[in-house]
C-alpha atoms as a PDB file:
ATOM      1  CA  UNK A   1       8.036 -17.799   3.849  1.00  0.00           C
ATOM      2  CA  UNK A   2       5.573 -20.672   3.273  1.00  0.00           C
ATOM      3  CA  UNK A   3       2.203 -20.452   4.986  1.00  0.00           C
ATOM      4  CA  UNK A   4       1.719 -23.487   7.235  1.00  0.00           C
ATOM      5  CA  UNK A   5      -1.388 -25.667   7.440  1.00  0.00           C
ATOM      6  CA  UNK A   6      -1.732 -24.641  11.087  1.00  0.00           C
ATOM      7  CA  UNK A   7      -1.886 -20.948  10.085  1.00  0.00           C
ATOM      8  CA  UNK A   8      -4.671 -21.668   7.587  1.00  0.00           C
ATOM      9  CA  UNK A   9      -6.579 -23.692  10.177  1.00  0.00           C
ATOM     10  CA  UNK A  10      -6.392 -20.802  12.635  1.00  0.00           C
ATOM     11  CA  UNK A  11      -8.012 -18.568  10.043  1.00  0.00           C
ATOM     12  CA  UNK A  12     -10.656 -21.051   8.924  1.00  0.00           C
ATOM     13  CA  UNK A  13     -11.569 -21.696  12.550  1.00  0.00           C
ATOM     14  CA  UNK A  14     -13.105 -18.220  12.619  1.00  0.00           C
ATOM     15  CA  UNK A  15     -16.688 -19.285  13.407  1.00  0.00           C
ATOM     16  CA  UNK A  16     -19.164 -16.927  15.084  1.00  0.00           C
ATOM     17  CA  UNK A  17     -19.664 -17.472  18.792  1.00  0.00           C
ATOM     18  CA  UNK A  18     -22.974 -17.260  20.606  1.00  0.00           C
ATOM     19  CA  UNK A  19     -24.705 -13.899  20.467  1.00  0.00           C
ATOM     20  CA  UNK A  20     -23.847 -13.162  24.079  1.00  0.00           C
ATOM     21  CA  UNK A  21     -20.148 -13.744  23.475  1.00  0.00           C
ATOM     22  CA  UNK A  22     -20.176 -11.573  20.364  1.00  0.00           C
ATOM     23  CA  UNK A  23     -21.854  -8.656  22.146  1.00  0.00           C
ATOM     24  CA  UNK A  24     -18.968  -8.448  24.626  1.00  0.00           C
ATOM     25  CA  UNK A  25     -16.734  -7.057  21.875  1.00  0.00           C
ATOM     26  CA  UNK A  26     -16.108  -4.232  21.406  1.00  0.00           C
ATOM     27  CA  UNK A  27     -16.784  -2.658  24.796  1.00  0.00           C
ATOM     28  CA  UNK A  28     -14.358   0.242  24.274  1.00  0.00           C
ATOM     29  CA  UNK A  29     -12.746   2.158  21.363  1.00  0.00           C
ATOM     30  CA  UNK A  30     -10.749   0.131  18.842  1.00  0.00           C
ATOM     31  CA  UNK A  31      -7.464   1.350  17.378  1.00  0.00           C
ATOM     32  CA  UNK A  32      -6.413   1.009  13.720  1.00  0.00           C
ATOM     33  CA  UNK A  33      -2.691   1.666  13.412  1.00  0.00           C
ATOM     34  CA  UNK A  34      -1.674   3.282  10.124  1.00  0.00           C
ATOM     35  CA  UNK A  35       2.104   2.841   9.728  1.00  0.00           C
ATOM     36  CA  UNK A  36       2.422   6.003   7.622  1.00  0.00           C
ATOM     37  CA  UNK A  37       1.519   9.694   8.097  1.00  0.00           C
ATOM     38  CA  UNK A  38      -1.885  11.163   7.295  1.00  0.00           C
ATOM     39  CA  UNK A  39      -2.897  11.909   3.677  1.00  0.00           C
ATOM     40  CA  UNK A  40      -1.315   8.827   2.097  1.00  0.00           C
ATOM     41  CA  UNK A  41      -3.371   5.982   0.624  1.00  0.00           C
ATOM     42  CA  UNK A  42      -2.970   3.767   3.719  1.00  0.00           C
ATOM     43  CA  UNK A  43      -4.457   6.550   5.819  1.00  0.00           C
ATOM     44  CA  UNK A  44      -7.187   7.352   3.267  1.00  0.00           C
ATOM     45  CA  UNK A  45      -8.460   3.764   3.261  1.00  0.00           C
ATOM     46  CA  UNK A  46      -8.387   3.422   7.051  1.00  0.00           C
ATOM     47  CA  UNK A  47     -10.327   6.658   7.496  1.00  0.00           C
ATOM     48  CA  UNK A  48     -12.878   5.574   4.895  1.00  0.00           C
ATOM     49  CA  UNK A  49     -13.637   2.376   6.835  1.00  0.00           C
ATOM     50  CA  UNK A  50     -13.498   3.712  10.406  1.00  0.00           C
ATOM     51  CA  UNK A  51     -16.926   5.466  10.380  1.00  0.00           C
ATOM     52  CA  UNK A  52     -18.585   2.333   8.973  1.00  0.00           C
ATOM     53  CA  UNK A  53     -17.026   0.195  11.701  1.00  0.00           C
ATOM     54  CA  UNK A  54     -18.123   2.672  14.384  1.00  0.00           C
ATOM     55  CA  UNK A  55     -21.685   2.603  13.048  1.00  0.00           C
ATOM     56  CA  UNK A  56     -21.876  -1.203  12.961  1.00  0.00           C
ATOM     57  CA  UNK A  57     -19.982  -2.054  16.149  1.00  0.00           C
ATOM     58  CA  UNK A  58     -21.137   0.856  18.307  1.00  0.00           C
ATOM     59  CA  UNK A  59     -17.653   1.976  19.373  1.00  0.00           C
ATOM     60  CA  UNK A  60     -15.220   4.519  17.873  1.00  0.00           C
ATOM     61  CA  UNK A  61     -12.495   3.144  15.602  1.00  0.00           C
ATOM     62  CA  UNK A  62      -9.565   5.492  16.117  1.00  0.00           C
ATOM     63  CA  UNK A  63      -6.876   6.001  13.477  1.00  0.00           C
ATOM     64  CA  UNK A  64      -3.402   6.062  15.028  1.00  0.00           C
ATOM     65  CA  UNK A  65      -0.627   7.130  12.631  1.00  0.00           C
ATOM     66  CA  UNK A  66       2.698   5.510  13.555  1.00  0.00           C
ATOM     67  CA  UNK A  67       5.105   6.210  10.664  1.00  0.00           C
ATOM     68  CA  UNK A  68       8.715   5.213  10.204  1.00  0.00           C
ATOM     69  CA  UNK A  69      11.037   2.592   8.682  1.00  0.00           C
ATOM     70  CA  UNK A  70       8.897   1.938   5.614  1.00  0.00           C
ATOM     71  CA  UNK A  71       5.925   0.997   7.784  1.00  0.00           C
ATOM     72  CA  UNK A  72       7.902  -1.317  10.054  1.00  0.00           C
ATOM     73  CA  UNK A  73       7.509   0.827  13.171  1.00  0.00           C
ATOM     74  CA  UNK A  74       3.716   0.777  13.158  1.00  0.00           C
ATOM     75  CA  UNK A  75       3.535  -2.864  12.126  1.00  0.00           C
ATOM     76  CA  UNK A  76       5.917  -3.881  14.915  1.00  0.00           C
ATOM     77  CA  UNK A  77       3.775  -2.046  17.470  1.00  0.00           C
ATOM     78  CA  UNK A  78       0.703  -4.000  16.390  1.00  0.00           C
ATOM     79  CA  UNK A  79       2.644  -7.274  16.383  1.00  0.00           C
ATOM     80  CA  UNK A  80       3.487  -6.684  20.046  1.00  0.00           C
ATOM     81  CA  UNK A  81      -0.011  -5.531  21.048  1.00  0.00           C
ATOM     82  CA  UNK A  82      -2.425  -7.605  23.092  1.00  0.00           C
ATOM     83  CA  UNK A  83      -4.452  -9.942  20.837  1.00  0.00           C
ATOM     84  CA  UNK A  84      -7.743  -8.807  22.318  1.00  0.00           C
ATOM     85  CA  UNK A  85      -9.464  -7.290  19.270  1.00  0.00           C
ATOM     86  CA  UNK A  86      -8.725  -3.687  20.196  1.00  0.00           C
ATOM     87  CA  UNK A  87      -5.729  -3.155  17.899  1.00  0.00           C
ATOM     88  CA  UNK A  88      -5.596  -3.628  14.134  1.00  0.00           C
ATOM     89  CA  UNK A  89      -3.074  -2.700  11.467  1.00  0.00           C
ATOM     90  CA  UNK A  90      -3.773  -1.259   8.041  1.00  0.00           C
ATOM     91  CA  UNK A  91      -0.934  -3.219   6.522  1.00  0.00           C
ATOM     92  CA  UNK A  92       0.495  -2.761   3.057  1.00  0.00           C
ATOM     93  CA  UNK A  93       2.391  -4.562   0.356  1.00  0.00           C
ATOM     94  CA  UNK A  94       5.438  -2.971   1.998  1.00  0.00           C
ATOM     95  CA  UNK A  95       4.880  -4.165   5.558  1.00  0.00           C
ATOM     96  CA  UNK A  96       3.755  -7.647   4.554  1.00  0.00           C
ATOM     97  CA  UNK A  97       5.418  -8.549   1.257  1.00  0.00           C
ATOM     98  CA  UNK A  98       8.347  -6.260   0.391  1.00  0.00           C
ATOM     99  CA  UNK A  99      10.028  -5.418   3.694  1.00  0.00           C
ATOM    100  CA  UNK A 100      10.825  -9.032   4.691  1.00  0.00           C
ATOM    101  CA  UNK A 101      13.157  -9.211   1.670  1.00  0.00           C
ATOM    102  CA  UNK A 102      14.188  -5.557   1.691  1.00  0.00           C
ATOM    103  CA  UNK A 103      15.367  -5.156   5.294  1.00  0.00           C
ATOM    104  CA  UNK A 104      18.361  -7.035   6.690  1.00  0.00           C
ATOM    105  CA  UNK A 105      16.666  -7.106  10.110  1.00  0.00           C
ATOM    106  CA  UNK A 106      12.902  -7.034  10.705  1.00  0.00           C
ATOM    107  CA  UNK A 107      11.292  -6.050  14.034  1.00  0.00           C
ATOM    108  CA  UNK A 108       8.485  -8.594  13.480  1.00  0.00           C
ATOM    109  CA  UNK A 109       7.692 -11.804  11.632  1.00  0.00           C
ATOM    110  CA  UNK A 110       5.156 -10.806   8.994  1.00  0.00           C
ATOM    111  CA  UNK A 111       3.536 -14.272   9.063  1.00  0.00           C
ATOM    112  CA  UNK A 112       3.793 -15.590  12.636  1.00  0.00           C
ATOM    113  CA  UNK A 113       3.056 -12.306  14.412  1.00  0.00           C
ATOM    114  CA  UNK A 114      -0.223 -11.478  12.627  1.00  0.00           C
ATOM    115  CA  UNK A 115      -3.719 -12.793  11.990  1.00  0.00           C
ATOM    116  CA  UNK A 116      -4.654 -11.599   8.479  1.00  0.00           C
ATOM    117  CA  UNK A 117      -8.203 -10.212   8.389  1.00  0.00           C
ATOM    118  CA  UNK A 118      -8.890  -9.082   4.829  1.00  0.00           C
ATOM    119  CA  UNK A 119      -7.500  -7.390   1.760  1.00  0.00           C
ATOM    120  CA  UNK A 120      -9.133  -3.955   1.666  1.00  0.00           C
ATOM    121  CA  UNK A 121      -8.056  -2.719  -1.753  1.00  0.00           C
ATOM    122  CA  UNK A 122      -5.491  -2.970  -4.501  1.00  0.00           C
ATOM    123  CA  UNK A 123      -4.253   0.149  -6.266  1.00  0.00           C
ATOM    124  CA  UNK A 124      -1.898   0.923  -9.125  1.00  0.00           C
ATOM    125  CA  UNK A 125       0.914   3.356  -8.561  1.00  0.00           C
ATOM    126  CA  UNK A 126       1.186   6.335 -10.868  1.00  0.00           C
ATOM    127  CA  UNK A 127       4.327   7.965 -12.234  1.00  0.00           C
ATOM    128  CA  UNK A 128       3.930  11.663 -11.439  1.00  0.00           C
ATOM    129  CA  UNK A 129       6.273  14.609 -12.044  1.00  0.00           C
ATOM    130  CA  UNK A 130       6.507  18.153 -10.836  1.00  0.00           C
ATOM    131  CA  UNK A 131       4.875  20.044 -13.764  1.00  0.00           C
ATOM    132  CA  UNK A 132       7.553  22.752 -13.908  1.00  0.00           C
ATOM    133  CA  UNK A 133      10.311  20.105 -13.969  1.00  0.00           C
ATOM    134  CA  UNK A 134       8.524  18.226 -16.748  1.00  0.00           C
ATOM    135  CA  UNK A 135       8.045  21.368 -18.824  1.00  0.00           C
ATOM    136  CA  UNK A 136      11.630  22.575 -18.352  1.00  0.00           C
ATOM    137  CA  UNK A 137      12.975  19.219 -19.557  1.00  0.00           C
ATOM    138  CA  UNK A 138      10.467  18.563 -22.330  1.00  0.00           C
ATOM    139  CA  UNK A 139       9.053  15.461 -20.639  1.00  0.00           C
ATOM    140  CA  UNK A 140       5.629  14.510 -21.967  1.00  0.00           C
ATOM    141  CA  UNK A 141       5.922  10.708 -21.993  1.00  0.00           C
ATOM    142  CA  UNK A 142       7.649   7.852 -20.182  1.00  0.00           C
ATOM    143  CA  UNK A 143      10.049   7.563 -23.116  1.00  0.00           C
ATOM    144  CA  UNK A 144      10.957  11.240 -22.650  1.00  0.00           C
ATOM    145  CA  UNK A 145      11.719  10.615 -18.978  1.00  0.00           C
ATOM    146  CA  UNK A 146      13.991   7.690 -19.822  1.00  0.00           C
ATOM    147  CA  UNK A 147      15.820   9.851 -22.375  1.00  0.00           C
ATOM    148  CA  UNK A 148      16.393  12.671 -19.866  1.00  0.00           C
ATOM    149  CA  UNK A 149      17.412  10.282 -17.078  1.00  0.00           C
ATOM    150  CA  UNK A 150      19.988   8.605 -19.318  1.00  0.00           C
ATOM    151  CA  UNK A 151      21.385  11.970 -20.384  1.00  0.00           C
ATOM    152  CA  UNK A 152      21.661  13.160 -16.769  1.00  0.00           C
ATOM    153  CA  UNK A 153      22.626  10.125 -14.650  1.00  0.00           C
ATOM    154  CA  UNK A 154      22.267  10.797 -10.942  1.00  0.00           C
ATOM    155  CA  UNK A 155      20.900  14.315 -11.427  1.00  0.00           C
ATOM    156  CA  UNK A 156      17.235  13.374 -11.277  1.00  0.00           C
ATOM    157  CA  UNK A 157      15.671  12.372  -7.995  1.00  0.00           C
ATOM    158  CA  UNK A 158      12.611  10.348  -7.049  1.00  0.00           C
ATOM    159  CA  UNK A 159      10.675  10.562  -3.809  1.00  0.00           C
ATOM    160  CA  UNK A 160       9.056   7.661  -2.002  1.00  0.00           C
ATOM    161  CA  UNK A 161       6.961   7.077   1.110  1.00  0.00           C
ATOM    162  CA  UNK A 162       9.902   5.232   2.664  1.00  0.00           C
ATOM    163  CA  UNK A 163      12.510   2.561   2.074  1.00  0.00           C
ATOM    164  CA  UNK A 164      10.965  -0.733   1.016  1.00  0.00           C
ATOM    165  CA  UNK A 165       7.551   0.632   0.120  1.00  0.00           C
ATOM    166  CA  UNK A 166       5.907  -0.217  -3.190  1.00  0.00           C
ATOM    167  CA  UNK A 167       6.496   3.404  -4.206  1.00  0.00           C
ATOM    168  CA  UNK A 168      10.231   2.918  -3.670  1.00  0.00           C
ATOM    169  CA  UNK A 169      10.343  -0.503  -5.369  1.00  0.00           C
ATOM    170  CA  UNK A 170       8.320   0.728  -8.359  1.00  0.00           C
ATOM    171  CA  UNK A 171      11.065   3.293  -8.947  1.00  0.00           C
ATOM    172  CA  UNK A 172      13.885   0.808  -8.385  1.00  0.00           C
ATOM    173  CA  UNK A 173      12.331  -1.613 -10.865  1.00  0.00           C
ATOM    174  CA  UNK A 174      11.993   1.221 -13.391  1.00  0.00           C
ATOM    175  CA  UNK A 175      15.666   2.129 -12.958  1.00  0.00           C
ATOM    176  CA  UNK A 176      16.770  -1.494 -13.227  1.00  0.00           C
ATOM    177  CA  UNK A 177      14.870  -2.162 -16.444  1.00  0.00           C
ATOM    178  CA  UNK A 178      15.863   1.106 -18.153  1.00  0.00           C
ATOM    179  CA  UNK A 179      19.492   1.197 -17.018  1.00  0.00           C
ATOM    180  CA  UNK A 180      19.053   4.645 -15.487  1.00  0.00           C
ATOM    181  CA  UNK A 181      20.138   6.076 -12.163  1.00  0.00           C
ATOM    182  CA  UNK A 182      17.993   8.482 -10.154  1.00  0.00           C
ATOM    183  CA  UNK A 183      18.654   9.475  -6.560  1.00  0.00           C
ATOM    184  CA  UNK A 184      16.126   7.957  -4.162  1.00  0.00           C
ATOM    185  CA  UNK A 185      14.754  10.305  -1.487  1.00  0.00           C
ATOM    186  CA  UNK A 186      12.755   8.370   1.143  1.00  0.00           C
ATOM    187  CA  UNK A 187      10.139  10.262   3.184  1.00  0.00           C
ATOM    188  CA  UNK A 188       8.019   9.212   6.166  1.00  0.00           C
ATOM    189  CA  UNK A 189       4.927   8.715   4.011  1.00  0.00           C
ATOM    190  CA  UNK A 190       3.328   9.863   0.766  1.00  0.00           C
ATOM    191  CA  UNK A 191       1.898  13.044   2.264  1.00  0.00           C
ATOM    192  CA  UNK A 192       5.250  14.724   3.054  1.00  0.00           C
ATOM    193  CA  UNK A 193       6.764  13.455  -0.218  1.00  0.00           C
ATOM    194  CA  UNK A 194       3.907  14.896  -2.274  1.00  0.00           C
ATOM    195  CA  UNK A 195       4.274  18.282  -0.587  1.00  0.00           C
ATOM    196  CA  UNK A 196       7.932  18.456  -1.650  1.00  0.00           C
ATOM    197  CA  UNK A 197       7.124  17.120  -5.123  1.00  0.00           C
ATOM    198  CA  UNK A 198       4.491  19.780  -5.737  1.00  0.00           C
ATOM    199  CA  UNK A 199       6.804  22.381  -4.212  1.00  0.00           C
ATOM    200  CA  UNK A 200       9.551  21.612  -6.720  1.00  0.00           C
ATOM    201  CA  UNK A 201      12.002  20.110  -4.229  1.00  0.00           C
ATOM    202  CA  UNK A 202      11.651  16.667  -5.837  1.00  0.00           C
ATOM    203  CA  UNK A 203      11.439  15.708  -9.519  1.00  0.00           C
ATOM    204  CA  UNK A 204       9.189  12.648  -9.631  1.00  0.00           C
ATOM    205  CA  UNK A 205       7.475   9.873  -7.710  1.00  0.00           C
ATOM    206  CA  UNK A 206       5.790   6.504  -8.314  1.00  0.00           C
ATOM    207  CA  UNK A 207       2.960   7.291  -5.886  1.00  0.00           C
ATOM    208  CA  UNK A 208      -0.126   5.271  -4.980  1.00  0.00           C
ATOM    209  CA  UNK A 209      -2.879   6.553  -7.250  1.00  0.00           C
ATOM    210  CA  UNK A 210      -5.473   7.516  -4.583  1.00  0.00           C
ATOM    211  CA  UNK A 211      -3.151   9.958  -2.812  1.00  0.00           C
ATOM    212  CA  UNK A 212      -1.998  11.580  -6.071  1.00  0.00           C
ATOM    213  CA  UNK A 213      -5.382  11.650  -7.807  1.00  0.00           C
ATOM    214  CA  UNK A 214      -6.685  14.984  -6.442  1.00  0.00           C
ATOM    215  CA  UNK A 215      -3.389  16.703  -7.269  1.00  0.00           C
ATOM    216  CA  UNK A 216      -3.385  15.260 -10.795  1.00  0.00           C
ATOM    217  CA  UNK A 217      -6.916  16.563 -11.347  1.00  0.00           C
ATOM    218  CA  UNK A 218      -5.943  19.974  -9.937  1.00  0.00           C
ATOM    219  CA  UNK A 219      -2.964  20.224 -12.308  1.00  0.00           C
ATOM    220  CA  UNK A 220      -0.448  20.233  -9.459  1.00  0.00           C
ATOM    221  CA  UNK A 221       1.152  16.999 -10.685  1.00  0.00           C
ATOM    222  CA  UNK A 222       1.847  15.746 -14.204  1.00  0.00           C
ATOM    223  CA  UNK A 223       0.937  12.064 -14.596  1.00  0.00           C
ATOM    224  CA  UNK A 224       2.806  10.034 -17.225  1.00  0.00           C
ATOM    225  CA  UNK A 225       1.580   6.467 -16.669  1.00  0.00           C
ATOM    226  CA  UNK A 226       0.177   3.934 -14.214  1.00  0.00           C
ATOM    227  CA  UNK A 227       2.351   1.062 -13.022  1.00  0.00           C
ATOM    228  CA  UNK A 228      -0.278  -1.686 -13.279  1.00  0.00           C
ATOM    229  CA  UNK A 229      -0.505  -4.208 -16.119  1.00  0.00           C
ATOM    230  CA  UNK A 230      -3.773  -2.621 -17.276  1.00  0.00           C
ATOM    231  CA  UNK A 231      -5.000   0.965 -17.438  1.00  0.00           C
ATOM    232  CA  UNK A 232      -6.889   2.358 -14.472  1.00  0.00           C
ATOM    233  CA  UNK A 233     -10.630   2.974 -14.850  1.00  0.00           C
ATOM    234  CA  UNK A 234     -10.099   6.161 -12.834  1.00  0.00           C
ATOM    235  CA  UNK A 235      -7.715   7.551 -15.510  1.00  0.00           C
ATOM    236  CA  UNK A 236      -8.578   5.583 -18.653  1.00  0.00           C
ATOM    237  CA  UNK A 237      -6.621   7.865 -20.995  1.00  0.00           C
ATOM    238  CA  UNK A 238      -3.383   7.407 -19.052  1.00  0.00           C
ATOM    239  CA  UNK A 239      -1.199   4.610 -20.482  1.00  0.00           C
ATOM    240  CA  UNK A 240       0.604   1.971 -18.467  1.00  0.00           C
ATOM    241  CA  UNK A 241       4.375   2.199 -18.053  1.00  0.00           C
ATOM    242  CA  UNK A 242       4.637  -0.959 -20.159  1.00  0.00           C
ATOM    243  CA  UNK A 243       2.650   0.667 -22.975  1.00  0.00           C
ATOM    244  CA  UNK A 244       4.499   3.957 -22.964  1.00  0.00           C
ATOM    245  CA  UNK A 245       8.043   3.000 -22.022  1.00  0.00           C
ATOM    246  CA  UNK A 246       9.328   1.078 -24.995  1.00  0.00           C
ATOM    247  CA  UNK A 247      10.796  -2.460 -25.223  1.00  0.00           C
ATOM    248  CA  UNK A 248      12.806  -2.243 -21.981  1.00  0.00           C
ATOM    249  CA  UNK A 249       9.623  -1.722 -19.960  1.00  0.00           C
ATOM    250  CA  UNK A 250       7.297  -4.142 -21.772  1.00  0.00           C
ATOM    251  CA  UNK A 251       7.046  -6.418 -18.697  1.00  0.00           C
ATOM    252  CA  UNK A 252       6.902  -3.642 -16.099  1.00  0.00           C
ATOM    253  CA  UNK A 253       4.238  -4.025 -13.374  1.00  0.00           C
ATOM    254  CA  UNK A 254       4.319  -2.817  -9.766  1.00  0.00           C
ATOM    255  CA  UNK A 255       1.004  -2.355  -7.993  1.00  0.00           C
ATOM    256  CA  UNK A 256       0.194  -1.795  -4.321  1.00  0.00           C
ATOM    257  CA  UNK A 257      -2.307  -3.255  -1.878  1.00  0.00           C
ATOM    258  CA  UNK A 258      -3.639  -2.544   1.604  1.00  0.00           C
ATOM    259  CA  UNK A 259      -5.241  -4.873   4.140  1.00  0.00           C
ATOM    260  CA  UNK A 260      -6.319  -5.243   7.748  1.00  0.00           C
ATOM    261  CA  UNK A 261      -4.364  -7.483  10.110  1.00  0.00           C
ATOM    262  CA  UNK A 262      -4.604  -8.187  13.836  1.00  0.00           C
ATOM    263  CA  UNK A 263      -1.992  -9.431  16.309  1.00  0.00           C
ATOM    264  CA  UNK A 264      -1.545 -13.210  16.194  1.00  0.00           C
ATOM    265  CA  UNK A 265      -3.877 -14.870  18.698  1.00  0.00           C
ATOM    266  CA  UNK A 266      -6.735 -12.416  18.236  1.00  0.00           C
ATOM    267  CA  UNK A 267     -10.005 -14.361  18.746  1.00  0.00           C
ATOM    268  CA  UNK A 268     -11.080 -15.941  15.475  1.00  0.00           C
ATOM    269  CA  UNK A 269     -14.684 -14.777  15.804  1.00  0.00           C
ATOM    270  CA  UNK A 270     -13.536 -11.134  16.044  1.00  0.00           C
ATOM    271  CA  UNK A 271     -11.302 -11.550  12.992  1.00  0.00           C
ATOM    272  CA  UNK A 272     -14.211 -12.980  11.004  1.00  0.00           C
ATOM    273  CA  UNK A 273     -16.668 -10.297  12.137  1.00  0.00           C
ATOM    274  CA  UNK A 274     -14.291  -7.507  11.094  1.00  0.00           C
ATOM    275  CA  UNK A 275     -13.682  -9.193   7.739  1.00  0.00           C
ATOM    276  CA  UNK A 276     -17.399  -9.592   7.098  1.00  0.00           C
ATOM    277  CA  UNK A 277     -18.190  -5.981   7.987  1.00  0.00           C
ATOM    278  CA  UNK A 278     -15.272  -4.758   5.877  1.00  0.00           C
ATOM    279  CA  UNK A 279     -16.626  -6.668   2.889  1.00  0.00           C
ATOM    280  CA  UNK A 280     -20.099  -5.200   3.480  1.00  0.00           C
ATOM    281  CA  UNK A 281     -18.710  -1.662   3.766  1.00  0.00           C
ATOM    282  CA  UNK A 282     -16.654  -2.028   0.600  1.00  0.00           C
ATOM    283  CA  UNK A 283     -19.753  -3.242  -1.267  1.00  0.00           C
ATOM    284  CA  UNK A 284     -21.792  -0.148  -0.367  1.00  0.00           C
ATOM    285  CA  UNK A 285     -22.437   1.800  -3.608  1.00  0.00           C
ATOM    286  CA  UNK A 286     -21.193   5.094  -2.156  1.00  0.00           C
ATOM    287  CA  UNK A 287     -18.019   3.508  -0.748  1.00  0.00           C
ATOM    288  CA  UNK A 288     -17.352   1.558  -3.927  1.00  0.00           C
ATOM    289  CA  UNK A 289     -17.796   4.652  -6.088  1.00  0.00           C
ATOM    290  CA  UNK A 290     -15.621   6.741  -3.783  1.00  0.00           C
ATOM    291  CA  UNK A 291     -12.710   4.299  -3.807  1.00  0.00           C
ATOM    292  CA  UNK A 292     -12.917   3.493  -7.513  1.00  0.00           C
ATOM    293  CA  UNK A 293     -12.917   7.205  -8.339  1.00  0.00           C
ATOM    294  CA  UNK A 294      -9.578   7.414  -6.540  1.00  0.00           C
ATOM    295  CA  UNK A 295      -8.173   4.454  -8.448  1.00  0.00           C
ATOM    296  CA  UNK A 296      -8.592   1.826  -5.715  1.00  0.00           C
ATOM    297  CA  UNK A 297     -10.117  -1.597  -6.407  1.00  0.00           C
ATOM    298  CA  UNK A 298     -12.096  -2.760  -3.317  1.00  0.00           C
ATOM    299  CA  UNK A 299     -11.693  -6.376  -2.176  1.00  0.00           C
ATOM    300  CA  UNK A 300     -12.893  -7.851   1.144  1.00  0.00           C
ATOM    301  CA  UNK A 301     -11.488 -11.389   0.714  1.00  0.00           C
ATOM    302  CA  UNK A 302     -11.770 -13.947   3.526  1.00  0.00           C
ATOM    303  CA  UNK A 303      -8.976 -14.468   6.088  1.00  0.00           C
ATOM    304  CA  UNK A 304      -7.748 -17.748   4.479  1.00  0.00           C
ATOM    305  CA  UNK A 305      -7.716 -16.092   1.053  1.00  0.00           C
ATOM    306  CA  UNK A 306      -5.733 -13.183   2.467  1.00  0.00           C
ATOM    307  CA  UNK A 307      -3.220 -15.609   4.007  1.00  0.00           C
ATOM    308  CA  UNK A 308      -2.598 -17.213   0.612  1.00  0.00           C
ATOM    309  CA  UNK A 309      -2.466 -13.798  -1.067  1.00  0.00           C
ATOM    310  CA  UNK A 310       0.251 -12.555   1.320  1.00  0.00           C
ATOM    311  CA  UNK A 311       2.277 -15.711   0.740  1.00  0.00           C
ATOM    312  CA  UNK A 312       2.154 -15.254  -3.047  1.00  0.00           C
ATOM    313  CA  UNK A 313       2.970 -11.550  -2.807  1.00  0.00           C
ATOM    314  CA  UNK A 314       5.945 -12.214  -0.521  1.00  0.00           C
ATOM    315  CA  UNK A 315       7.439 -14.564  -3.104  1.00  0.00           C
ATOM    316  CA  UNK A 316       6.728 -12.182  -5.993  1.00  0.00           C
ATOM    317  CA  UNK A 317       8.303  -9.131  -4.342  1.00  0.00           C
ATOM    318  CA  UNK A 318      11.324 -11.095  -3.149  1.00  0.00           C
ATOM    319  CA  UNK A 319      12.172 -11.581  -6.816  1.00  0.00           C
ATOM    320  CA  UNK A 320      11.650  -7.856  -7.549  1.00  0.00           C
ATOM    321  CA  UNK A 321      13.884  -6.838  -4.627  1.00  0.00           C
ATOM    322  CA  UNK A 322      16.593  -9.231  -5.807  1.00  0.00           C
ATOM    323  CA  UNK A 323      16.402  -8.006  -9.409  1.00  0.00           C
ATOM    324  CA  UNK A 324      16.516  -4.334  -8.372  1.00  0.00           C
ATOM    325  CA  UNK A 325      19.440  -4.786  -6.008  1.00  0.00           C
ATOM    326  CA  UNK A 326      17.703  -2.558  -3.444  1.00  0.00           C
ATOM    327  CA  UNK A 327      18.466  -3.284   0.199  1.00  0.00           C
ATOM    328  CA  UNK A 328      18.069  -1.570   3.581  1.00  0.00           C
ATOM    329  CA  UNK A 329      20.553  -2.424   6.336  1.00  0.00           C
END
């Protein structure tokens, strides 16, 4: 969907009001809806920012996990919330770029129903396997995985954080390019999927790097490659899928992103203040180091920049969805 001039003007109209008007908000706790369960990357980023917001604005910023339907349930709740500055969404590439093409029916309009605030961070996904599964099947590289998947069509399974998420689409793109078939097992978030993956109930997953990173370091997951076009500074020795997968995967790239959005109609000065404080928080050395160590790349872009970013991402992922053949009724 094309971003209209009116939508850009609404964002660029975000000019600070007089000091007295600014001090009126917030006068009570503010809610950040995370449309996935705790322990996933969406939740990790929201919980990293909440204490900084509370310190700056003088009110608690409460994380409210509302999982389901690939993030659509939580996003729809925010879309229908009062545009008074007391409800925000930690949106994702799924809720605001993939799902509009993936789902036959959407419970919200990802452009008209939201006021984009800022991109918080971009992250690569990482192809991770249950270590025992990898050892039993002699899988040490991406090429090994492709070989095993082709030899056992339909017998391997891949978990995701839900239908339409970047984790799901990263796997579908992999299958499409390699001509393999693996059973997709959607969960209500990365946290539950990772538990089953480490427990041996699932074979593999294209997870967001921050949520898998501690388990990779602890040896509970075997990482084969990152899904970005370049290697991650957090795991510099780990190749990209394009590097390690052979000719069929030479153009493979499927990264994720996370950003704050408010209900459409939220006062422009509040949107701008939250964006500015997010950018400041992400620039703090301790915050920057913390996120980069987990594989996240902090952003903090302005509301108009975020509007244009979402528009470009929507078009990009529509092509990926079409090429993969994935669809949710």
